[in-house]
Amino acid sequence: MDKETYQQKLQAQLDQWKAEIDKLQAQSREASADMQAKYQEQIKDLRERRGEMEAEYDKIQAASTEAWKDFKTGADQAWENMSNAMKSAWSRFG
């Protein structure tokens, strides 16, 4: 996979995760006060993880065509962490 294709894949996933976090935020507004606190804790964690993924995306975007693969491992790990966190959130609240 080349740099441009990888960036497009990352950007699409970042957009999807943002939409899913927004859905959780909307659901939290309809939850009980106790559940709202749990939602907010989970949403905060998801936003932090998404921020980490965006930082990895920025590194790849700024890297030269030859050097971007040096950042791919970090991005792949951030991707996996975020995917697992999203699955966990949806299993708890979805």
PDB file of N, CA and C in Angstrom:
ATOM      1  N   MET A   1       0.854  -1.176   0.000  1.00  0.00           N
ATOM      2  CA  MET A   1       0.000   0.000   0.000  1.00  0.00           C
ATOM      3  C   MET A   1       0.900   1.240   0.000  1.00  0.00           C
ATOM      4  N   ASP A   2       0.577   2.195  -0.841  1.00  0.00           N
ATOM      5  CA  ASP A   2       1.389   3.406  -0.895  1.00  0.00           C
ATOM      6  C   ASP A   2       0.905   4.423   0.147  1.00  0.00           C
ATOM      7  N   LYS A   3       1.693   5.472   0.307  1.00  0.00           N
ATOM      8  CA  LYS A   3       1.421   6.483   1.326  1.00  0.00           C
ATOM      9  C   LYS A   3       0.044   7.122   1.139  1.00  0.00           C
ATOM     10  N   GLU A   4      -0.281   7.509  -0.063  1.00  0.00           N
ATOM     11  CA  GLU A   4      -1.555   8.191  -0.319  1.00  0.00           C
ATOM     12  C   GLU A   4      -2.751   7.296   0.017  1.00  0.00           C
ATOM     13  N   THR A   5      -2.680   6.051  -0.375  1.00  0.00           N
ATOM     14  CA  THR A   5      -3.764   5.100  -0.092  1.00  0.00           C
ATOM     15  C   THR A   5      -3.904   4.896   1.411  1.00  0.00           C
ATOM     16  N   TYR A   6      -2.784   4.768   2.100  1.00  0.00           N
ATOM     17  CA  TYR A   6      -2.802   4.574   3.547  1.00  0.00           C
ATOM     18  C   TYR A   6      -3.406   5.798   4.241  1.00  0.00           C
ATOM     19  N   GLN A   7      -3.018   6.987   3.798  1.00  0.00           N
ATOM     20  CA  GLN A   7      -3.570   8.219   4.374  1.00  0.00           C
ATOM     21  C   GLN A   7      -5.084   8.281   4.169  1.00  0.00           C
ATOM     22  N   GLN A   8      -5.545   7.930   2.993  1.00  0.00           N
ATOM     23  CA  GLN A   8      -6.981   7.948   2.715  1.00  0.00           C
ATOM     24  C   GLN A   8      -7.720   6.967   3.626  1.00  0.00           C
ATOM     25  N   LYS A   9      -7.126   5.810   3.826  1.00  0.00           N
ATOM     26  CA  LYS A   9      -7.713   4.800   4.702  1.00  0.00           C
ATOM     27  C   LYS A   9      -7.796   5.328   6.137  1.00  0.00           C
ATOM     28  N   LEU A  10      -6.710   5.942   6.610  1.00  0.00           N
ATOM     29  CA  LEU A  10      -6.703   6.506   7.958  1.00  0.00           C
ATOM     30  C   LEU A  10      -7.729   7.626   8.102  1.00  0.00           C
ATOM     31  N   GLN A  11      -7.789   8.511   7.131  1.00  0.00           N
ATOM     32  CA  GLN A  11      -8.725   9.635   7.205  1.00  0.00           C
ATOM     33  C   GLN A  11     -10.167   9.150   7.232  1.00  0.00           C
ATOM     34  N   ALA A  12     -10.481   8.166   6.412  1.00  0.00           N
ATOM     35  CA  ALA A  12     -11.838   7.614   6.393  1.00  0.00           C
ATOM     36  C   ALA A  12     -12.190   7.012   7.746  1.00  0.00           C
ATOM     37  N   GLN A  13     -11.235   6.306   8.346  1.00  0.00           N
ATOM     38  CA  GLN A  13     -11.497   5.692   9.648  1.00  0.00           C
ATOM     39  C   GLN A  13     -11.628   6.755  10.737  1.00  0.00           C
ATOM     40  N   LEU A  14     -10.803   7.787  10.689  1.00  0.00           N
ATOM     41  CA  LEU A  14     -10.920   8.878  11.659  1.00  0.00           C
ATOM     42  C   LEU A  14     -12.295   9.530  11.578  1.00  0.00           C
ATOM     43  N   ASP A  15     -12.769   9.737  10.361  1.00  0.00           N
ATOM     44  CA  ASP A  15     -14.099  10.326  10.171  1.00  0.00           C
ATOM     45  C   ASP A  15     -15.187   9.413  10.725  1.00  0.00           C
ATOM     46  N   GLN A  16     -15.057   8.118  10.488  1.00  0.00           N
ATOM     47  CA  GLN A  16     -16.046   7.164  10.984  1.00  0.00           C
ATOM     48  C   GLN A  16     -16.049   7.160  12.511  1.00  0.00           C
ATOM     49  N   TRP A  17     -14.860   7.134  13.110  1.00  0.00           N
ATOM     50  CA  TRP A  17     -14.790   7.135  14.571  1.00  0.00           C
ATOM     51  C   TRP A  17     -15.392   8.407  15.159  1.00  0.00           C
ATOM     52  N   LYS A  18     -15.174   9.537  14.508  1.00  0.00           N
ATOM     53  CA  LYS A  18     -15.767  10.788  14.989  1.00  0.00           C
ATOM     54  C   LYS A  18     -17.286  10.679  14.988  1.00  0.00           C
ATOM     55  N   ALA A  19     -17.843  10.132  13.922  1.00  0.00           N
ATOM     56  CA  ALA A  19     -19.301   9.967  13.830  1.00  0.00           C
ATOM     57  C   ALA A  19     -19.807   9.025  14.920  1.00  0.00           C
ATOM     58  N   GLU A  20     -19.080   7.952  15.187  1.00  0.00           N
ATOM     59  CA  GLU A  20     -19.502   7.014  16.218  1.00  0.00           C
ATOM     60  C   GLU A  20     -19.414   7.638  17.609  1.00  0.00           C
ATOM     61  N   ILE A  21     -18.382   8.426  17.860  1.00  0.00           N
ATOM     62  CA  ILE A  21     -18.270   9.121  19.145  1.00  0.00           C
ATOM     63  C   ILE A  21     -19.419  10.116  19.294  1.00  0.00           C
ATOM     64  N   ASP A  22     -19.751  10.811  18.222  1.00  0.00           N
ATOM     65  CA  ASP A  22     -20.880  11.743  18.252  1.00  0.00           C
ATOM     66  C   ASP A  22     -22.189  11.018  18.565  1.00  0.00           C
ATOM     67  N   LYS A  23     -22.362   9.797  18.034  1.00  0.00           N
ATOM     68  CA  LYS A  23     -23.563   9.010  18.327  1.00  0.00           C
ATOM     69  C   LYS A  23     -23.623   8.643  19.808  1.00  0.00           C
ATOM     70  N   LEU A  24     -22.475   8.242  20.351  1.00  0.00           N
ATOM     71  CA  LEU A  24     -22.438   7.929  21.784  1.00  0.00           C
ATOM     72  C   LEU A  24     -22.773   9.164  22.613  1.00  0.00           C
ATOM     73  N   GLN A  25     -22.257  10.310  22.186  1.00  0.00           N
ATOM     74  CA  GLN A  25     -22.548  11.566  22.889  1.00  0.00           C
ATOM     75  C   GLN A  25     -24.049  11.835  22.873  1.00  0.00           C
ATOM     76  N   ALA A  26     -24.687  11.631  21.745  1.00  0.00           N
ATOM     77  CA  ALA A  26     -26.127  11.846  21.633  1.00  0.00           C
ATOM     78  C   ALA A  26     -26.888  10.863  22.523  1.00  0.00           C
ATOM     79  N   GLN A  27     -26.461   9.616  22.544  1.00  0.00           N
ATOM     80  CA  GLN A  27     -27.109   8.617  23.391  1.00  0.00           C
ATOM     81  C   GLN A  27     -26.975   8.977  24.867  1.00  0.00           C
ATOM     82  N   SER A  28     -25.836   9.541  25.222  1.00  0.00           N
ATOM     83  CA  SER A  28     -25.595   9.853  26.628  1.00  0.00           C
ATOM     84  C   SER A  28     -26.596  10.876  27.154  1.00  0.00           C
ATOM     85  N   ARG A  29     -27.083  11.734  26.287  1.00  0.00           N
ATOM     86  CA  ARG A  29     -28.036  12.766  26.708  1.00  0.00           C
ATOM     87  C   ARG A  29     -29.374  12.170  27.153  1.00  0.00           C
ATOM     88  N   GLU A  30     -29.662  10.970  26.712  1.00  0.00           N
ATOM     89  CA  GLU A  30     -30.924  10.315  27.046  1.00  0.00           C
ATOM     90  C   GLU A  30     -30.771   9.328  28.206  1.00  0.00           C
ATOM     91  N   ALA A  31     -29.565   9.174  28.706  1.00  0.00           N
ATOM     92  CA  ALA A  31     -29.302   8.204  29.764  1.00  0.00           C
ATOM     93  C   ALA A  31     -29.542   8.818  31.144  1.00  0.00           C
ATOM     94  N   SER A  32     -29.636   7.943  32.133  1.00  0.00           N
ATOM     95  CA  SER A  32     -29.767   8.399  33.515  1.00  0.00           C
ATOM     96  C   SER A  32     -28.488   9.137  33.922  1.00  0.00           C
ATOM     97  N   ALA A  33     -28.570   9.871  35.020  1.00  0.00           N
ATOM     98  CA  ALA A  33     -27.413  10.648  35.482  1.00  0.00           C
ATOM     99  C   ALA A  33     -26.212   9.748  35.741  1.00  0.00           C
ATOM    100  N   ASP A  34     -26.450   8.596  36.354  1.00  0.00           N
ATOM    101  CA  ASP A  34     -25.367   7.659  36.636  1.00  0.00           C
ATOM    102  C   ASP A  34     -24.744   7.145  35.343  1.00  0.00           C
ATOM    103  N   MET A  35     -25.570   6.800  34.385  1.00  0.00           N
ATOM    104  CA  MET A  35     -25.069   6.312  33.099  1.00  0.00           C
ATOM    105  C   MET A  35     -24.389   7.422  32.313  1.00  0.00           C
ATOM    106  N   GLN A  36     -24.867   8.643  32.430  1.00  0.00           N
ATOM    107  CA  GLN A  36     -24.239   9.762  31.721  1.00  0.00           C
ATOM    108  C   GLN A  36     -22.775   9.895  32.129  1.00  0.00           C
ATOM    109  N   ALA A  37     -22.499   9.733  33.413  1.00  0.00           N
ATOM    110  CA  ALA A  37     -21.117   9.816  33.892  1.00  0.00           C
ATOM    111  C   ALA A  37     -20.259   8.725  33.253  1.00  0.00           C
ATOM    112  N   LYS A  38     -20.810   7.520  33.133  1.00  0.00           N
ATOM    113  CA  LYS A  38     -20.067   6.420  32.508  1.00  0.00           C
ATOM    114  C   LYS A  38     -19.855   6.688  31.019  1.00  0.00           C
ATOM    115  N   TYR A  39     -20.887   7.194  30.368  1.00  0.00           N
ATOM    116  CA  TYR A  39     -20.751   7.570  28.956  1.00  0.00           C
ATOM    117  C   TYR A  39     -19.631   8.603  28.792  1.00  0.00           C
ATOM    118  N   GLN A  40     -19.679   9.642  29.618  1.00  0.00           N
ATOM    119  CA  GLN A  40     -18.713  10.739  29.474  1.00  0.00           C
ATOM    120  C   GLN A  40     -17.282  10.264  29.695  1.00  0.00           C
ATOM    121  N   GLU A  41     -17.110   9.345  30.640  1.00  0.00           N
ATOM    122  CA  GLU A  41     -15.781   8.789  30.881  1.00  0.00           C
ATOM    123  C   GLU A  41     -15.299   8.033  29.644  1.00  0.00           C
ATOM    124  N   GLN A  42     -16.186   7.224  29.078  1.00  0.00           N
ATOM    125  CA  GLN A  42     -15.835   6.449  27.883  1.00  0.00           C
ATOM    126  C   GLN A  42     -15.591   7.374  26.692  1.00  0.00           C
ATOM    127  N   ILE A  43     -16.426   8.381  26.528  1.00  0.00           N
ATOM    128  CA  ILE A  43     -16.283   9.320  25.416  1.00  0.00           C
ATOM    129  C   ILE A  43     -14.969  10.085  25.524  1.00  0.00           C
ATOM    130  N   LYS A  44     -14.612  10.484  26.738  1.00  0.00           N
ATOM    131  CA  LYS A  44     -13.331  11.183  26.942  1.00  0.00           C
ATOM    132  C   LYS A  44     -12.171  10.290  26.513  1.00  0.00           C
ATOM    133  N   ASP A  45     -12.218   9.024  26.912  1.00  0.00           N
ATOM    134  CA  ASP A  45     -11.173   8.077  26.530  1.00  0.00           C
ATOM    135  C   ASP A  45     -11.111   7.911  25.015  1.00  0.00           C
ATOM    136  N   LEU A  46     -12.269   7.778  24.387  1.00  0.00           N
ATOM    137  CA  LEU A  46     -12.302   7.610  22.928  1.00  0.00           C
ATOM    138  C   LEU A  46     -11.748   8.833  22.214  1.00  0.00           C
ATOM    139  N   ARG A  47     -12.088  10.010  22.698  1.00  0.00           N
ATOM    140  CA  ARG A  47     -11.571  11.237  22.074  1.00  0.00           C
ATOM    141  C   ARG A  47     -10.060  11.336  22.223  1.00  0.00           C
ATOM    142  N   GLU A  48      -9.538  10.923  23.377  1.00  0.00           N
ATOM    143  CA  GLU A  48      -8.083  10.929  23.574  1.00  0.00           C
ATOM    144  C   GLU A  48      -7.405   9.955  22.618  1.00  0.00           C
ATOM    145  N   ARG A  49      -7.969   8.776  22.502  1.00  0.00           N
ATOM    146  CA  ARG A  49      -7.393   7.770  21.590  1.00  0.00           C
ATOM    147  C   ARG A  49      -7.483   8.234  20.132  1.00  0.00           C
ATOM    148  N   ARG A  50      -8.591   8.871  19.790  1.00  0.00           N
ATOM    149  CA  ARG A  50      -8.733   9.390  18.431  1.00  0.00           C
ATOM    150  C   ARG A  50      -7.697  10.489  18.196  1.00  0.00           C
ATOM    151  N   GLY A  51      -7.443  11.297  19.213  1.00  0.00           N
ATOM    152  CA  GLY A  51      -6.411  12.323  19.117  1.00  0.00           C
ATOM    153  C   GLY A  51      -5.033  11.717  18.871  1.00  0.00           C
ATOM    154  N   GLU A  52      -4.757  10.598  19.536  1.00  0.00           N
ATOM    155  CA  GLU A  52      -3.489   9.892  19.304  1.00  0.00           C
ATOM    156  C   GLU A  52      -3.402   9.413  17.861  1.00  0.00           C
ATOM    157  N   MET A  53      -4.523   8.910  17.357  1.00  0.00           N
ATOM    158  CA  MET A  53      -4.558   8.442  15.965  1.00  0.00           C
ATOM    159  C   MET A  53      -4.355   9.606  15.008  1.00  0.00           C
ATOM    160  N   GLU A  54      -4.950  10.756  15.300  1.00  0.00           N
ATOM    161  CA  GLU A  54      -4.753  11.935  14.456  1.00  0.00           C
ATOM    162  C   GLU A  54      -3.289  12.375  14.459  1.00  0.00           C
ATOM    163  N   ALA A  55      -2.632  12.280  15.620  1.00  0.00           N
ATOM    164  CA  ALA A  55      -1.212  12.642  15.705  1.00  0.00           C
ATOM    165  C   ALA A  55      -0.376  11.720  14.820  1.00  0.00           C
ATOM    166  N   GLU A  56      -0.688  10.430  14.828  1.00  0.00           N
ATOM    167  CA  GLU A  56       0.026   9.489  13.964  1.00  0.00           C
ATOM    168  C   GLU A  56      -0.248   9.803  12.489  1.00  0.00           C
ATOM    169  N   TYR A  57      -1.495  10.142  12.189  1.00  0.00           N
ATOM    170  CA  TYR A  57      -1.858  10.523  10.821  1.00  0.00           C
ATOM    171  C   TYR A  57      -1.043  11.743  10.383  1.00  0.00           C
ATOM    172  N   ASP A  58      -0.938  12.730  11.260  1.00  0.00           N
ATOM    173  CA  ASP A  58      -0.178  13.939  10.938  1.00  0.00           C
ATOM    174  C   ASP A  58       1.294  13.627  10.671  1.00  0.00           C
ATOM    175  N   LYS A  59       1.867  12.713  11.441  1.00  0.00           N
ATOM    176  CA  LYS A  59       3.265  12.321  11.226  1.00  0.00           C
ATOM    177  C   LYS A  59       3.438  11.716   9.830  1.00  0.00           C
ATOM    178  N   ILE A  60       2.514  10.844   9.471  1.00  0.00           N
ATOM    179  CA  ILE A  60       2.597  10.199   8.152  1.00  0.00           C
ATOM    180  C   ILE A  60       2.408  11.223   7.049  1.00  0.00           C
ATOM    181  N   GLN A  61       1.461  12.119   7.250  1.00  0.00           N
ATOM    182  CA  GLN A  61       1.190  13.139   6.241  1.00  0.00           C
ATOM    183  C   GLN A  61       2.409  14.036   6.020  1.00  0.00           C
ATOM    184  N   ALA A  62       3.112  14.350   7.094  1.00  0.00           N
ATOM    185  CA  ALA A  62       4.272  15.238   6.997  1.00  0.00           C
ATOM    186  C   ALA A  62       5.530  14.519   6.515  1.00  0.00           C
ATOM    187  N   ALA A  63       5.546  13.211   6.597  1.00  0.00           N
ATOM    188  CA  ALA A  63       6.735  12.440   6.233  1.00  0.00           C
ATOM    189  C   ALA A  63       6.933  12.405   4.722  1.00  0.00           C
ATOM    190  N   SER A  64       8.163  12.230   4.352  1.00  0.00           N
ATOM    191  CA  SER A  64       8.468  12.083   2.931  1.00  0.00           C
ATOM    192  C   SER A  64       7.925  10.748   2.432  1.00  0.00           C
ATOM    193  N   THR A  65       7.870  10.627   1.128  1.00  0.00           N
ATOM    194  CA  THR A  65       7.374   9.407   0.516  1.00  0.00           C
ATOM    195  C   THR A  65       8.199   8.201   0.955  1.00  0.00           C
ATOM    196  N   GLU A  66       9.485   8.400   1.174  1.00  0.00           N
ATOM    197  CA  GLU A  66      10.361   7.308   1.575  1.00  0.00           C
ATOM    198  C   GLU A  66      10.253   7.004   3.067  1.00  0.00           C
ATOM    199  N   ALA A  67      10.010   8.013   3.897  1.00  0.00           N
ATOM    200  CA  ALA A  67      10.076   7.847   5.348  1.00  0.00           C
ATOM    201  C   ALA A  67       8.742   7.529   6.017  1.00  0.00           C
ATOM    202  N   TRP A  68       7.639   7.637   5.315  1.00  0.00           N
ATOM    203  CA  TRP A  68       6.345   7.469   5.969  1.00  0.00           C
ATOM    204  C   TRP A  68       6.160   6.096   6.600  1.00  0.00           C
ATOM    205  N   LYS A  69       6.779   5.084   6.026  1.00  0.00           N
ATOM    206  CA  LYS A  69       6.627   3.729   6.566  1.00  0.00           C
ATOM    207  C   LYS A  69       7.221   3.603   7.963  1.00  0.00           C
ATOM    208  N   ASP A  70       8.161   4.499   8.311  1.00  0.00           N
ATOM    209  CA  ASP A  70       8.720   4.495   9.658  1.00  0.00           C
ATOM    210  C   ASP A  70       7.645   4.810  10.693  1.00  0.00           C
ATOM    211  N   PHE A  71       6.608   5.545  10.301  1.00  0.00           N
ATOM    212  CA  PHE A  71       5.542   5.928  11.216  1.00  0.00           C
ATOM    213  C   PHE A  71       4.344   4.976  11.145  1.00  0.00           C
ATOM    214  N   LYS A  72       4.343   4.087  10.168  1.00  0.00           N
ATOM    215  CA  LYS A  72       3.202   3.194   9.958  1.00  0.00           C
ATOM    216  C   LYS A  72       2.971   2.273  11.156  1.00  0.00           C
ATOM    217  N   THR A  73       4.020   1.776  11.775  1.00  0.00           N
ATOM    218  CA  THR A  73       3.871   0.883  12.919  1.00  0.00           C
ATOM    219  C   THR A  73       3.139   1.574  14.062  1.00  0.00           C
ATOM    220  N   GLY A  74       3.517   2.800  14.362  1.00  0.00           N
ATOM    221  CA  GLY A  74       2.836   3.559  15.412  1.00  0.00           C
ATOM    222  C   GLY A  74       1.382   3.816  15.064  1.00  0.00           C
ATOM    223  N   ALA A  75       1.129   4.122  13.810  1.00  0.00           N
ATOM    224  CA  ALA A  75      -0.247   4.365  13.369  1.00  0.00           C
ATOM    225  C   ALA A  75      -1.068   3.086  13.440  1.00  0.00           C
ATOM    226  N   ASP A  76      -0.475   1.974  13.043  1.00  0.00           N
ATOM    227  CA  ASP A  76      -1.185   0.701  13.108  1.00  0.00           C
ATOM    228  C   ASP A  76      -1.537   0.343  14.556  1.00  0.00           C
ATOM    229  N   GLN A  77      -0.625   0.613  15.486  1.00  0.00           N
ATOM    230  CA  GLN A  77      -0.889   0.317  16.897  1.00  0.00           C
ATOM    231  C   GLN A  77      -1.976   1.239  17.441  1.00  0.00           C
ATOM    232  N   ALA A  78      -1.917   2.522  17.101  1.00  0.00           N
ATOM    233  CA  ALA A  78      -2.949   3.467  17.533  1.00  0.00           C
ATOM    234  C   ALA A  78      -4.295   3.065  16.942  1.00  0.00           C
ATOM    235  N   TRP A  79      -4.295   2.607  15.708  1.00  0.00           N
ATOM    236  CA  TRP A  79      -5.522   2.148  15.032  1.00  0.00           C
ATOM    237  C   TRP A  79      -6.120   0.981  15.807  1.00  0.00           C
ATOM    238  N   GLU A  80      -5.283  -0.002  16.136  1.00  0.00           N
ATOM    239  CA  GLU A  80      -5.766  -1.183  16.860  1.00  0.00           C
ATOM    240  C   GLU A  80      -6.324  -0.793  18.233  1.00  0.00           C
ATOM    241  N   ASN A  81      -5.619   0.087  18.940  1.00  0.00           N
ATOM    242  CA  ASN A  81      -6.088   0.538  20.244  1.00  0.00           C
ATOM    243  C   ASN A  81      -7.445   1.233  20.132  1.00  0.00           C
ATOM    244  N   MET A  82      -7.584   2.083  19.141  1.00  0.00           N
ATOM    245  CA  MET A  82      -8.833   2.809  18.949  1.00  0.00           C
ATOM    246  C   MET A  82      -9.952   1.851  18.556  1.00  0.00           C
ATOM    247  N   SER A  83      -9.671   0.918  17.677  1.00  0.00           N
ATOM    248  CA  SER A  83     -10.678  -0.067  17.263  1.00  0.00           C
ATOM    249  C   SER A  83     -11.181  -0.860  18.464  1.00  0.00           C
ATOM    250  N   ASN A  84     -10.264  -1.298  19.298  1.00  0.00           N
ATOM    251  CA  ASN A  84     -10.650  -2.059  20.484  1.00  0.00           C
ATOM    252  C   ASN A  84     -11.472  -1.212  21.444  1.00  0.00           C
ATOM    253  N   ALA A  85     -11.096   0.039  21.620  1.00  0.00           N
ATOM    254  CA  ALA A  85     -11.842   0.935  22.504  1.00  0.00           C
ATOM    255  C   ALA A  85     -13.248   1.187  21.966  1.00  0.00           C
ATOM    256  N   MET A  86     -13.377   1.344  20.651  1.00  0.00           N
ATOM    257  CA  MET A  86     -14.703   1.562  20.063  1.00  0.00           C
ATOM    258  C   MET A  86     -15.574   0.317  20.240  1.00  0.00           C
ATOM    259  N   LYS A  87     -15.013  -0.848  20.008  1.00  0.00           N
ATOM    260  CA  LYS A  87     -15.774  -2.090  20.187  1.00  0.00           C
ATOM    261  C   LYS A  87     -16.245  -2.225  21.628  1.00  0.00           C
ATOM    262  N   SER A  88     -15.371  -1.907  22.557  1.00  0.00           N
ATOM    263  CA  SER A  88     -15.718  -1.980  23.970  1.00  0.00           C
ATOM    264  C   SER A  88     -16.846  -1.002  24.308  1.00  0.00           C
ATOM    265  N   ALA A  89     -16.737   0.204  23.800  1.00  0.00           N
ATOM    266  CA  ALA A  89     -17.767   1.216  24.075  1.00  0.00           C
ATOM    267  C   ALA A  89     -19.107   0.784  23.520  1.00  0.00           C
ATOM    268  N   TRP A  90     -19.126   0.294  22.294  1.00  0.00           N
ATOM    269  CA  TRP A  90     -20.394  -0.109  21.691  1.00  0.00           C
ATOM    270  C   TRP A  90     -20.964  -1.345  22.367  1.00  0.00           C
ATOM    271  N   SER A  91     -20.109  -2.217  22.885  1.00  0.00           N
ATOM    272  CA  SER A  91     -20.649  -3.380  23.587  1.00  0.00           C
ATOM    273  C   SER A  91     -21.277  -2.968  24.925  1.00  0.00           C
ATOM    274  N   ARG A  92     -20.748  -1.901  25.528  1.00  0.00           N
ATOM    275  CA  ARG A  92     -21.297  -1.408  26.796  1.00  0.00           C
ATOM    276  C   ARG A  92     -22.535  -0.539  26.600  1.00  0.00           C
ATOM    277  N   PHE A  93     -22.515   0.287  25.565  1.00  0.00           N
ATOM    278  CA  PHE A  93     -23.553   1.316  25.423  1.00  0.00           C
ATOM    279  C   PHE A  93     -24.398   1.208  24.163  1.00  0.00           C
ATOM    280  N   GLY A  94     -23.911   0.483  23.166  1.00  0.00           N
ATOM    281  CA  GLY A  94     -24.571   0.470  21.867  1.00  0.00           C
ATOM    282  C   GLY A  94     -25.805  -0.360  21.774  1.00  0.00           C
TER     283      GLY A  94
END
